[in-house]
Amino acid sequence: MNTAEQLEQSEKYEEAYAEYRKMLVNKSDDVDILTRLAHLALILDKKDDAKVYYSKILESDPSNILAHEQLIDIFETEDKFKYYLLRGNMHALQQQMSYAKSDYKKAISHAKDQQEALPARYLYAGLCEGQEKYTEAIDEYLKISDYDDKNPVVHLKLAELYEKTEGIQSAIATLERARRDFGIEEYNEVLAGYYIRNSQPQKAYDLTKNELTKARALFDMDKNEDGYEVLMNIKAQYGNDKLFHSLLAQYYFQKDMFDESFKEIDEYAKLAPNSALIYQMRALIFEKQGDNFNEHLNWGKYNIVRGDKDVALNEYMTAYRFNNSDIDLIETIAAILDAEGDKTKASEFYERLVDIDPKNTNALQKLAEFRESIGDNYGAMEYLEKLKEVDPRNQYVADNFERLQNGGGEGGLMSFFKSIFGSKMR
């Protein structure tokens, strides 16, 4: 490298160029060498060579902005399709999606034919999908399918988009048509999965080659023992697969073997600790056992994982009606209400929490904060004193005890009287 760099610094560009080319023989993907060669190629007016080197850089490093910029400059006057395609890519890398979409559309309009336009159409469709403009994405993939109908990806993307816009039936029809009209079978397992979700287990069983999918289809057809036999035959192979444990849990659930089902759910949870399915399966078991508290508690957890806090809160409230002394549940309800801004309702649960657990520092602090927020400094001080007794080194106590003890500053006792007597106190 030293010889080539010295030649370049001495402005002996032809010799430096030759040295870098020698180095490239053994390091054909080295971005630094390719960058130096591309730069020297431009200096030496070897524009075609520069195109090759900058293109190779993008093969190794697709997010390389410099390579994009240089190729954009090169193609601006000689190839508008490549110019707009590269400019769209650069804008997409810079998260300027509206500019990227505009560039891809211009690239499509400047393509010499529809085959050349395909890369820009794919990128444009992908941006539409990323922006959740599903109808626009579908329109673009349909245009693509007119010229690239043997590409399995087109049909898969259309199936995914139709599921989001029209439902699973449309997704199934899309993949069935791909199999029937174009002989595309790359996504048979995806189609089998759609069949399972659409309550068509026999079709899934007939299509799939995956033993786990076969077992699931058998369970859905109420052929429980056949499904169980499939699982036992593949236990050594799939014993560490989360789906294996969920299916075995399903089998035991259907057999009312609840302890065994719980064990399989626990195994599933080790492999997928953030899955909502954990709580769904537990809720169904508790429902079958007639355990209302744990049933609704787990439905609450299920909806929390799914991001539906309103439904989760309703489930937690129902669970509370069956057991109003569970500390974890009360803390959860209070925290949700607090986060949603219902401080008054949250304080009721924090008060309940203090009744059950008088040393709960979080509840004591929350109640002190709430009391002060509604102008009840005496009530705030009462909780603060309890908090100080439980946790003398508590930072909230250190920051607020003396201030509230002295009446909470300007808003203390005088503020209380002013709220009653108004201007007469001035």
Protein backbone atom coordinates (compact mmCIF):
# COMPACT_ATOMS: atom_id res chain seq x y z
CA MET A 1 0.00 0.00 0.00
CA ASN A 2 2.83 2.41 0.78
CA THR A 3 4.20 2.43 -2.78
CA ALA A 4 0.80 3.12 -4.32
CA GLU A 5 0.02 5.86 -1.79
CA GLN A 6 3.39 7.54 -2.36
CA LEU A 7 2.86 7.52 -6.12
CA GLU A 8 -0.62 8.97 -5.67
CA GLN A 9 0.64 11.69 -3.34
CA SER A 10 3.36 12.52 -5.87
CA GLU A 11 0.60 12.91 -8.50
CA LYS A 12 1.99 9.99 -10.50
CA TYR A 13 -1.55 8.85 -11.11
CA GLU A 14 -0.98 6.35 -13.92
CA GLU A 15 1.67 4.51 -11.91
CA ALA A 16 -0.43 4.64 -8.72
CA TYR A 17 -3.40 3.32 -10.69
CA ALA A 18 -1.32 0.39 -11.96
CA GLU A 19 -0.12 -0.41 -8.42
CA TYR A 20 -3.64 -0.43 -7.00
CA ARG A 21 -4.79 -2.70 -9.84
CA LYS A 22 -2.05 -5.19 -8.90
CA MET A 23 -3.22 -5.10 -5.28
CA LEU A 24 -6.81 -5.70 -6.35
CA VAL A 25 -5.91 -9.11 -7.80
CA ASN A 26 -5.61 -10.60 -4.30
CA LYS A 27 -8.17 -8.31 -2.65
CA SER A 28 -10.99 -8.03 -5.17
CA ASP A 29 -13.58 -6.94 -2.58
CA ASP A 30 -11.43 -4.45 -0.68
CA VAL A 31 -13.54 -1.28 -0.53
CA ASP A 32 -10.58 0.98 0.25
CA ILE A 33 -8.61 -0.20 -2.81
CA LEU A 34 -11.72 0.00 -5.01
CA THR A 35 -12.40 3.54 -3.77
CA ARG A 36 -8.84 4.66 -4.57
CA LEU A 37 -9.00 3.03 -8.00
CA ALA A 38 -12.37 4.61 -8.79
CA HIS A 39 -11.07 8.03 -7.71
CA LEU A 40 -7.94 7.70 -9.84
CA ALA A 41 -10.01 6.43 -12.78
CA LEU A 42 -11.99 9.68 -12.72
CA ILE A 43 -8.81 11.75 -12.54
CA LEU A 44 -7.39 9.82 -15.53
CA ASP A 45 -10.69 10.16 -17.43
CA LYS A 46 -11.28 6.41 -17.35
CA LYS A 47 -14.98 6.84 -16.71
CA ASP A 48 -15.97 3.29 -17.67
CA ASP A 49 -13.43 1.90 -15.20
CA ALA A 50 -14.76 4.23 -12.50
CA LYS A 51 -18.27 2.86 -13.08
CA VAL A 52 -17.02 -0.69 -12.63
CA TYR A 53 -15.15 0.09 -9.41
CA TYR A 54 -17.94 2.12 -7.81
CA SER A 55 -20.43 -0.60 -8.76
CA LYS A 56 -18.20 -3.22 -7.10
CA ILE A 57 -18.09 -1.05 -3.99
CA LEU A 58 -21.89 -1.12 -3.84
CA GLU A 59 -21.87 -4.91 -4.19
CA SER A 60 -19.74 -5.12 -1.03
CA ASP A 61 -21.15 -2.08 0.74
CA PRO A 62 -24.68 -1.23 -0.54
CA SER A 63 -24.99 1.72 1.86
CA ASN A 64 -21.83 3.48 0.62
CA ILE A 65 -22.97 7.05 0.01
CA LEU A 66 -19.78 8.15 -1.78
CA ALA A 67 -20.15 5.44 -4.41
CA HIS A 68 -23.78 6.43 -4.95
CA GLU A 69 -22.87 10.10 -5.31
CA GLN A 70 -20.10 9.43 -7.81
CA LEU A 71 -22.21 7.09 -9.93
CA ILE A 72 -25.07 9.59 -9.87
CA ASP A 73 -22.71 12.24 -11.26
CA ILE A 74 -21.44 9.85 -13.93
CA PHE A 75 -24.87 8.73 -15.11
CA GLU A 76 -26.61 12.12 -14.95
CA THR A 77 -26.01 12.91 -18.60
CA GLU A 78 -25.60 9.45 -20.13
CA ASP A 79 -28.26 7.18 -18.54
CA LYS A 80 -31.27 8.73 -16.84
CA PHE A 81 -32.67 5.37 -15.71
CA LYS A 82 -29.54 4.51 -13.73
CA TYR A 83 -29.23 8.11 -12.57
CA TYR A 84 -32.69 8.18 -10.98
CA LEU A 85 -32.42 4.59 -9.69
CA LEU A 86 -29.17 5.38 -7.85
CA ARG A 87 -30.51 8.71 -6.61
CA GLY A 88 -33.57 6.91 -5.26
CA ASN A 89 -31.34 4.41 -3.47
CA MET A 90 -29.30 7.21 -1.92
CA HIS A 91 -32.40 9.05 -0.73
CA ALA A 92 -33.75 5.81 0.74
CA LEU A 93 -30.47 5.31 2.63
CA GLN A 94 -30.82 8.85 3.95
CA GLN A 95 -34.42 8.07 5.07
CA GLN A 96 -35.81 10.62 2.60
CA MET A 97 -38.55 8.30 1.44
CA SER A 98 -40.74 10.77 -0.45
CA TYR A 99 -37.74 11.82 -2.56
CA ALA A 100 -36.78 8.17 -3.07
CA LYS A 101 -40.28 7.28 -4.32
CA SER A 102 -40.24 10.22 -6.70
CA ASP A 103 -36.84 9.13 -8.07
CA TYR A 104 -37.96 5.54 -8.57
CA LYS A 105 -41.02 6.70 -10.50
CA LYS A 106 -38.77 8.83 -12.72
CA ALA A 107 -36.44 5.85 -13.19
CA ILE A 108 -39.41 3.75 -14.33
CA SER A 109 -40.43 6.42 -16.83
CA HIS A 110 -36.88 6.59 -18.25
CA ALA A 111 -36.36 2.83 -18.60
CA LYS A 112 -35.86 1.65 -22.18
CA ASP A 113 -38.35 -1.19 -21.61
CA GLN A 114 -40.40 -2.85 -18.89
CA GLN A 115 -37.71 -5.40 -18.11
CA GLU A 116 -35.20 -2.69 -17.34
CA ALA A 117 -37.80 -0.92 -15.20
CA LEU A 118 -38.30 -3.94 -12.91
CA PRO A 119 -35.62 -3.09 -10.28
CA ALA A 120 -37.11 0.39 -9.84
CA ARG A 121 -40.63 -1.05 -9.61
CA TYR A 122 -39.57 -3.53 -6.92
CA LEU A 123 -37.93 -0.76 -4.92
CA TYR A 124 -40.92 1.54 -5.35
CA ALA A 125 -43.31 -1.22 -4.24
CA GLY A 126 -41.12 -1.97 -1.22
CA LEU A 127 -41.19 1.68 -0.16
CA CYS A 128 -44.98 1.77 -0.48
CA GLU A 129 -45.24 -1.32 1.68
CA GLY A 130 -42.85 0.13 4.27
CA GLN A 131 -45.03 3.24 4.47
CA GLU A 132 -48.12 1.01 4.91
CA LYS A 133 -49.56 2.22 1.60
CA TYR A 134 -50.66 -1.29 0.84
CA THR A 135 -53.05 -0.57 -2.03
CA GLU A 136 -50.35 1.38 -3.86
CA ALA A 137 -47.88 -1.46 -3.24
CA ILE A 138 -50.38 -4.01 -4.59
CA ASP A 139 -50.86 -1.95 -7.76
CA GLU A 140 -47.12 -1.89 -8.33
CA TYR A 141 -46.63 -5.63 -7.72
CA LEU A 142 -49.48 -6.34 -10.14
CA LYS A 143 -47.62 -4.32 -12.79
CA ILE A 144 -44.47 -6.26 -11.96
CA SER A 145 -46.34 -9.56 -12.33
CA ASP A 146 -47.14 -8.68 -15.96
CA TYR A 147 -43.41 -8.90 -16.77
CA ASP A 148 -41.95 -11.08 -13.99
CA ASP A 149 -44.71 -13.59 -13.31
CA LYS A 150 -42.32 -16.53 -12.80
CA ASN A 151 -40.68 -14.82 -9.83
CA PRO A 152 -42.07 -16.42 -6.63
CA VAL A 153 -41.34 -13.27 -4.62
CA VAL A 154 -44.00 -11.32 -6.55
CA HIS A 155 -46.74 -13.76 -5.58
CA LEU A 156 -45.59 -13.99 -1.97
CA LYS A 157 -45.58 -10.19 -1.59
CA LEU A 158 -49.03 -9.97 -3.15
CA ALA A 159 -50.31 -12.66 -0.79
CA GLU A 160 -48.92 -10.79 2.24
CA LEU A 161 -50.42 -7.51 1.08
CA TYR A 162 -53.80 -9.02 0.24
CA GLU A 163 -53.93 -10.56 3.72
CA LYS A 164 -53.48 -7.08 5.21
CA THR A 165 -56.06 -5.42 2.97
CA GLU A 166 -58.64 -8.01 1.94
CA GLY A 167 -58.11 -10.92 4.31
CA ILE A 168 -56.59 -14.37 4.38
CA GLN A 169 -58.87 -15.77 1.67
CA SER A 170 -57.32 -13.41 -0.88
CA ALA A 171 -53.84 -14.37 0.26
CA ILE A 172 -54.68 -18.06 -0.20
CA ALA A 173 -56.17 -17.44 -3.65
CA THR A 174 -52.99 -15.63 -4.71
CA LEU A 175 -50.66 -18.47 -3.76
CA GLU A 176 -53.04 -21.10 -5.15
CA ARG A 177 -53.06 -19.25 -8.47
CA ALA A 178 -49.25 -19.08 -8.44
CA ARG A 179 -49.10 -22.87 -8.01
CA ARG A 180 -51.78 -23.56 -10.60
CA ASP A 181 -50.84 -21.09 -13.34
CA PHE A 182 -47.08 -20.80 -12.95
CA GLY A 183 -46.03 -23.99 -11.17
CA ILE A 184 -44.57 -22.02 -8.28
CA GLU A 185 -44.18 -24.25 -5.23
CA GLU A 186 -41.48 -22.39 -3.27
CA TYR A 187 -44.06 -21.12 -0.82
CA ASN A 188 -46.08 -24.28 -0.28
CA GLU A 189 -45.31 -24.16 3.43
CA VAL A 190 -46.52 -20.57 3.60
CA LEU A 191 -49.73 -21.63 1.89
CA ALA A 192 -50.09 -24.55 4.30
CA GLY A 193 -49.76 -22.07 7.15
CA TYR A 194 -52.52 -19.96 5.63
CA TYR A 195 -54.70 -23.07 5.40
CA ILE A 196 -54.15 -23.79 9.09
CA ARG A 197 -55.10 -20.26 10.05
CA ASN A 198 -58.14 -20.37 7.77
CA SER A 199 -59.48 -23.57 9.40
CA GLN A 200 -58.59 -25.77 6.42
CA PRO A 201 -56.41 -28.36 8.17
CA GLN A 202 -56.96 -31.13 5.62
CA LYS A 203 -55.58 -28.94 2.83
CA ALA A 204 -52.64 -28.00 5.03
CA TYR A 205 -51.96 -31.66 5.82
CA ASP A 206 -52.09 -32.66 2.15
CA LEU A 207 -49.74 -29.86 1.08
CA THR A 208 -47.09 -29.61 3.79
CA LYS A 209 -43.90 -31.61 4.10
CA ASN A 210 -43.21 -30.17 7.56
CA GLU A 211 -43.92 -32.70 10.32
CA LEU A 212 -44.85 -30.00 12.83
CA THR A 213 -47.43 -28.59 10.43
CA LYS A 214 -48.76 -32.10 9.87
CA ALA A 215 -49.16 -32.58 13.63
CA ARG A 216 -50.93 -29.24 13.97
CA ALA A 217 -53.29 -30.08 11.12
CA LEU A 218 -54.09 -33.46 12.71
CA PHE A 219 -54.92 -31.80 16.03
CA ASP A 220 -57.17 -29.33 14.23
CA MET A 221 -58.96 -32.29 12.62
CA ASP A 222 -59.46 -33.80 16.09
CA LYS A 223 -57.05 -36.62 15.24
CA ASN A 224 -55.24 -36.08 18.50
CA GLU A 225 -53.56 -39.45 18.84
CA ASP A 226 -52.28 -39.33 15.27
CA GLY A 227 -50.87 -35.86 15.91
CA TYR A 228 -49.28 -37.02 19.14
CA GLU A 229 -47.66 -39.95 17.34
CA VAL A 230 -46.13 -37.56 14.79
CA LEU A 231 -44.71 -35.43 17.60
CA MET A 232 -43.21 -38.40 19.41
CA ASN A 233 -41.57 -39.58 16.19
CA ILE A 234 -39.81 -36.23 15.72
CA LYS A 235 -39.06 -35.43 19.37
CA ALA A 236 -35.30 -35.94 18.97
CA GLN A 237 -35.22 -33.65 15.95
CA TYR A 238 -37.57 -30.92 17.15
CA GLY A 239 -37.22 -31.09 20.94
CA ASN A 240 -35.75 -27.56 21.00
CA ASP A 241 -38.35 -26.07 18.69
CA LYS A 242 -40.90 -23.78 20.34
CA LEU A 243 -43.68 -24.96 18.01
CA PHE A 244 -43.07 -28.55 19.11
CA HIS A 245 -43.73 -27.61 22.74
CA SER A 246 -46.79 -25.50 21.91
CA LEU A 247 -48.30 -28.40 19.97
CA LEU A 248 -47.57 -30.85 22.76
CA ALA A 249 -49.16 -28.39 25.21
CA GLN A 250 -52.20 -28.31 22.91
CA TYR A 251 -52.41 -32.11 22.91
CA TYR A 252 -52.26 -32.33 26.70
CA PHE A 253 -54.81 -29.51 26.97
CA GLN A 254 -57.25 -31.40 24.77
CA LYS A 255 -56.71 -34.49 26.95
CA ASP A 256 -57.32 -32.46 30.14
CA MET A 257 -53.77 -33.30 31.26
CA PHE A 258 -53.23 -29.80 32.64
CA ASP A 259 -50.01 -30.34 34.63
CA GLU A 260 -48.31 -31.78 31.55
CA SER A 261 -49.66 -28.93 29.44
CA PHE A 262 -48.29 -26.33 31.86
CA LYS A 263 -44.87 -28.01 31.71
CA GLU A 264 -44.82 -27.77 27.92
CA ILE A 265 -45.89 -24.13 28.08
CA ASP A 266 -42.98 -23.48 30.43
CA GLU A 267 -40.63 -25.13 27.92
CA TYR A 268 -42.14 -22.97 25.18
CA ALA A 269 -41.64 -19.86 27.33
CA LYS A 270 -37.91 -20.63 27.66
CA LEU A 271 -37.60 -20.53 23.87
CA ALA A 272 -40.00 -17.61 23.24
CA PRO A 273 -40.12 -15.56 26.47
CA ASN A 274 -41.89 -12.57 24.90
CA SER A 275 -44.64 -14.48 23.13
CA ALA A 276 -48.29 -13.65 23.78
CA LEU A 277 -49.09 -17.31 23.13
CA ILE A 278 -47.68 -18.23 26.57
CA TYR A 279 -50.46 -16.33 28.32
CA GLN A 280 -53.13 -17.35 25.83
CA MET A 281 -52.43 -21.05 26.46
CA ARG A 282 -52.35 -20.57 30.22
CA ALA A 283 -55.60 -18.57 30.15
CA LEU A 284 -57.34 -21.34 28.24
CA ILE A 285 -56.22 -23.95 30.75
CA PHE A 286 -57.34 -21.84 33.72
CA GLU A 287 -60.68 -21.25 31.99
CA LYS A 288 -61.14 -25.00 31.58
CA GLN A 289 -60.22 -25.49 35.24
CA GLY A 290 -62.74 -22.86 36.34
CA ASP A 291 -60.01 -20.61 37.82
CA ASN A 292 -61.53 -17.21 36.97
CA PHE A 293 -58.83 -15.13 38.64
CA ASN A 294 -55.88 -16.68 36.78
CA GLU A 295 -57.86 -16.92 33.57
CA HIS A 296 -58.43 -13.16 33.39
CA LEU A 297 -54.99 -12.39 34.80
CA ASN A 298 -53.39 -14.24 31.91
CA TRP A 299 -55.73 -12.70 29.35
CA GLY A 300 -54.55 -9.37 30.72
CA LYS A 301 -50.90 -10.35 30.22
CA TYR A 302 -51.74 -11.65 26.74
CA ASN A 303 -53.16 -8.28 25.70
CA ILE A 304 -50.28 -6.36 27.27
CA VAL A 305 -47.81 -8.27 25.09
CA ARG A 306 -50.04 -7.57 22.07
CA GLY A 307 -49.99 -3.86 22.93
CA ASP A 308 -53.73 -3.54 23.67
CA LYS A 309 -53.66 -1.86 27.07
CA ASP A 310 -57.37 -1.02 27.18
CA VAL A 311 -58.43 -4.64 26.77
CA ALA A 312 -55.68 -5.72 29.17
CA LEU A 313 -56.93 -3.28 31.81
CA ASN A 314 -60.48 -4.65 31.49
CA GLU A 315 -59.16 -8.18 31.99
CA TYR A 316 -57.10 -7.12 35.01
CA MET A 317 -60.13 -5.37 36.52
CA THR A 318 -62.15 -8.57 36.07
CA ALA A 319 -59.38 -10.57 37.74
CA TYR A 320 -59.40 -8.03 40.61
CA ARG A 321 -63.07 -8.78 41.23
CA PHE A 322 -62.11 -12.39 41.93
CA ASN A 323 -59.08 -11.52 44.08
CA ASN A 324 -58.58 -7.99 45.38
CA SER A 325 -55.53 -8.85 47.49
CA ASP A 326 -52.99 -9.89 44.86
CA ILE A 327 -50.14 -7.39 45.17
CA ASP A 328 -48.70 -7.93 41.68
CA LEU A 329 -52.11 -7.43 40.09
CA ILE A 330 -52.86 -4.27 42.07
CA GLU A 331 -49.44 -2.82 41.19
CA THR A 332 -50.06 -3.60 37.53
CA ILE A 333 -53.49 -1.96 37.47
CA ALA A 334 -52.21 1.12 39.29
CA ALA A 335 -49.25 1.43 36.91
CA ILE A 336 -51.46 1.20 33.81
CA LEU A 337 -53.90 3.81 35.14
CA ASP A 338 -51.00 6.04 36.14
CA ALA A 339 -49.39 5.74 32.70
CA GLU A 340 -52.70 6.58 31.01
CA GLY A 341 -53.04 9.73 33.11
CA ASP A 342 -55.91 8.60 35.34
CA LYS A 343 -54.10 9.64 38.53
CA THR A 344 -57.24 9.67 40.68
CA LYS A 345 -58.21 6.11 39.84
CA ALA A 346 -54.60 4.99 40.12
CA SER A 347 -54.41 6.48 43.63
CA GLU A 348 -57.31 4.26 44.70
CA PHE A 349 -55.27 1.19 43.82
CA TYR A 350 -52.11 2.59 45.39
CA GLU A 351 -54.15 3.11 48.57
CA ARG A 352 -55.34 -0.48 48.36
CA LEU A 353 -51.75 -1.55 47.90
CA VAL A 354 -50.67 0.32 51.04
CA ASP A 355 -53.52 -1.31 52.97
CA ILE A 356 -52.13 -4.74 52.05
CA ASP A 357 -48.44 -3.84 52.04
CA PRO A 358 -47.83 -0.80 54.30
CA LYS A 359 -44.11 -0.81 53.45
CA ASN A 360 -44.57 -0.53 49.71
CA THR A 361 -42.30 2.43 48.94
CA ASN A 362 -43.49 2.93 45.38
CA ALA A 363 -47.13 3.18 46.44
CA LEU A 364 -46.30 5.56 49.30
CA GLN A 365 -44.36 7.85 46.98
CA LYS A 366 -47.09 7.78 44.31
CA LEU A 367 -49.71 8.71 46.91
CA ALA A 368 -47.55 11.53 48.27
CA GLU A 369 -47.09 12.88 44.73
CA PHE A 370 -50.80 12.61 43.99
CA ARG A 371 -51.87 14.33 47.22
CA GLU A 372 -49.52 17.22 46.57
CA SER A 373 -50.71 17.48 42.96
CA ILE A 374 -54.31 18.12 44.13
CA GLY A 375 -53.17 20.66 46.74
CA ASP A 376 -53.48 18.33 49.73
CA ASN A 377 -50.07 18.97 51.26
CA TYR A 378 -51.16 17.58 54.62
CA GLY A 379 -52.13 14.29 52.98
CA ALA A 380 -48.88 14.30 51.02
CA MET A 381 -46.93 14.85 54.21
CA GLU A 382 -48.70 11.95 55.89
CA TYR A 383 -47.56 9.54 53.18
CA LEU A 384 -44.11 11.12 53.09
CA GLU A 385 -43.67 10.50 56.81
CA LYS A 386 -44.62 6.87 56.33
CA LEU A 387 -42.17 6.62 53.44
CA LYS A 388 -39.41 8.16 55.57
CA GLU A 389 -40.10 5.65 58.32
CA VAL A 390 -39.95 2.71 55.89
CA ASP A 391 -37.00 3.99 53.85
CA PRO A 392 -35.09 6.82 55.61
CA ARG A 393 -32.57 7.17 52.77
CA ASN A 394 -35.19 7.40 50.04
CA GLN A 395 -34.19 10.10 47.53
CA TYR A 396 -37.74 11.37 47.11
CA VAL A 397 -37.93 11.90 50.88
CA ALA A 398 -34.59 13.72 50.86
CA ASP A 399 -35.74 16.00 48.05
CA ASN A 400 -39.22 16.83 49.36
CA PHE A 401 -39.60 16.20 53.10
CA GLU A 402 -38.34 19.55 54.39
CA ARG A 403 -40.21 21.51 51.72
CA LEU A 404 -43.55 19.84 52.49
CA GLN A 405 -42.91 19.98 56.23
CA ASN A 406 -42.65 23.76 55.88
CA GLY A 407 -45.98 23.94 54.12
CA GLY A 408 -44.86 23.09 50.60
CA GLY A 409 -43.46 26.55 49.89
CA GLU A 410 -45.75 29.27 48.75
CA GLY A 411 -48.59 26.83 48.23
CA GLY A 412 -48.77 25.56 51.83
CA LEU A 413 -51.30 26.51 54.54
CA MET A 414 -51.68 30.07 53.20
CA SER A 415 -52.56 28.67 49.76
CA PHE A 416 -55.22 26.49 51.37
CA PHE A 417 -56.84 29.46 53.12
CA LYS A 418 -56.64 31.59 49.96
CA SER A 419 -58.52 28.95 48.03
CA ILE A 420 -61.39 29.34 50.51
CA PHE A 421 -61.37 33.06 51.30
CA GLY A 422 -59.89 34.45 48.09
CA SER A 423 -59.04 38.15 48.04
CA LYS A 424 -60.02 38.62 51.69
CA MET A 425 -56.71 36.98 52.62
CA ARG A 426 -54.67 39.60 50.69
